[in-house]
């Protein structure tokens, strides 16, 4: 199983949209937990949430993207941009 890192940046009204979709998003990722290595918010130095980082386990990138296709933060317009890269740990708990 491969791992794919999703670096998701919020749009300008991300905070507002997050508050609307947060509960549904948390339920969604809990339901997808078997596919997730880790998931959590990205924050600025002042604590403001500016995005999300998720590492998804899948056979390929298309499968990893499919895991998040219906995430309320995606469908609700919280995330303005998403960068996906394969992640291959070399050292640490996941290596």
Protein backbone atom coordinates (compact mmCIF):
# COMPACT_ATOMS: atom_id res chain seq x y z
CA UNK A 1 0.00 0.00 0.00
CA UNK A 2 1.34 3.42 -0.96
CA UNK A 3 0.82 6.72 0.86
CA UNK A 4 -0.27 10.03 -0.66
CA UNK A 5 0.04 13.39 1.05
CA UNK A 6 -2.79 15.87 0.47
CA UNK A 7 -1.79 19.45 1.25
CA UNK A 8 -5.11 21.31 1.15
CA UNK A 9 -5.18 25.12 1.39
CA UNK A 10 -8.32 26.98 2.37
CA UNK A 11 -9.83 29.74 0.27
CA UNK A 12 -10.32 33.28 1.54
CA UNK A 13 -13.60 32.38 3.26
CA UNK A 14 -12.24 29.07 4.55
CA UNK A 15 -12.93 29.87 8.20
CA UNK A 16 -16.60 30.54 7.53
CA UNK A 17 -16.97 27.47 5.33
CA UNK A 18 -15.09 25.31 7.87
CA UNK A 19 -17.57 26.23 10.58
CA UNK A 20 -20.46 25.23 8.30
CA UNK A 21 -18.97 21.89 7.21
CA UNK A 22 -16.80 20.90 10.22
CA UNK A 23 -19.16 18.38 11.81
CA UNK A 24 -19.86 16.61 8.51
CA UNK A 25 -16.13 16.63 7.63
CA UNK A 26 -15.16 15.06 10.97
CA UNK A 27 -17.78 12.33 10.51
CA UNK A 28 -16.59 11.75 6.95
CA UNK A 29 -12.94 11.30 7.89
CA UNK A 30 -13.90 9.10 10.85
CA UNK A 31 -15.80 6.88 8.40
CA UNK A 32 -12.69 6.78 6.15
CA UNK A 33 -10.23 6.17 9.02
CA UNK A 34 -9.07 2.83 7.59
CA UNK A 35 -7.65 4.76 4.60
CA UNK A 36 -5.98 7.54 6.59
CA UNK A 37 -2.51 7.52 8.11
CA UNK A 38 -3.00 10.97 9.62
CA UNK A 39 -5.28 13.97 9.19
CA UNK A 40 -5.37 17.39 10.79
CA UNK A 41 -5.42 21.14 10.34
CA UNK A 42 -2.61 23.35 9.10
CA UNK A 43 -2.20 26.51 11.19
CA UNK A 44 -0.40 29.82 10.94
CA UNK A 45 1.86 30.94 13.78
CA UNK A 46 -1.09 32.81 15.35
CA UNK A 47 -3.19 29.61 15.41
CA UNK A 48 -5.50 30.47 12.50
CA UNK A 49 -6.38 27.33 10.52
CA UNK A 50 -5.37 27.77 6.88
CA UNK A 51 -5.80 24.26 5.51
CA UNK A 52 -5.55 20.55 6.12
CA UNK A 53 -2.93 17.83 5.80
CA UNK A 54 -4.04 14.27 5.14
CA UNK A 55 -1.98 11.21 4.33
CA UNK A 56 -4.06 8.60 2.55
CA UNK A 57 -3.22 4.92 2.03
CA UNK A 58 -4.16 3.61 -1.42
CA UNK A 59 -2.93 1.48 -4.31
CA UNK A 60 -2.45 4.55 -6.53
CA UNK A 61 -3.12 8.28 -6.67
CA UNK A 62 -6.52 7.83 -8.27
CA UNK A 63 -7.56 5.57 -5.40
CA UNK A 64 -6.26 8.07 -2.86
CA UNK A 65 -8.19 10.90 -4.51
CA UNK A 66 -11.34 8.75 -4.52
CA UNK A 67 -11.13 8.47 -0.71
CA UNK A 68 -11.62 12.24 -0.43
CA UNK A 69 -14.00 12.80 -3.37
CA UNK A 70 -17.04 13.36 -1.15
CA UNK A 71 -15.32 15.08 1.78
CA UNK A 72 -17.53 18.01 2.87
CA UNK A 73 -14.49 20.29 2.97
CA UNK A 74 -13.94 19.53 -0.72
CA UNK A 75 -17.56 19.56 -1.85
CA UNK A 76 -18.34 22.55 0.40
CA UNK A 77 -15.59 24.70 -1.07
CA UNK A 78 -13.41 24.97 2.05
CA UNK A 79 -10.28 23.87 0.22
CA UNK A 80 -9.25 26.24 -2.58
CA UNK A 81 -6.26 24.21 -3.73
CA UNK A 82 -5.04 20.67 -3.18
CA UNK A 83 -1.56 19.39 -3.89
CA UNK A 84 -1.10 15.61 -3.93
CA UNK A 85 2.29 13.93 -3.73
CA UNK A 86 3.30 10.37 -3.01
CA UNK A 87 4.93 10.09 0.40
CA UNK A 88 7.66 7.50 1.03
CA UNK A 89 8.87 7.65 4.64
CA UNK A 90 12.52 6.84 5.16
CA UNK A 91 12.87 7.37 8.90
CA UNK A 92 10.53 7.51 11.87
CA UNK A 93 7.37 5.80 13.02
CA UNK A 94 5.99 5.24 9.52
CA UNK A 95 9.19 3.97 7.90
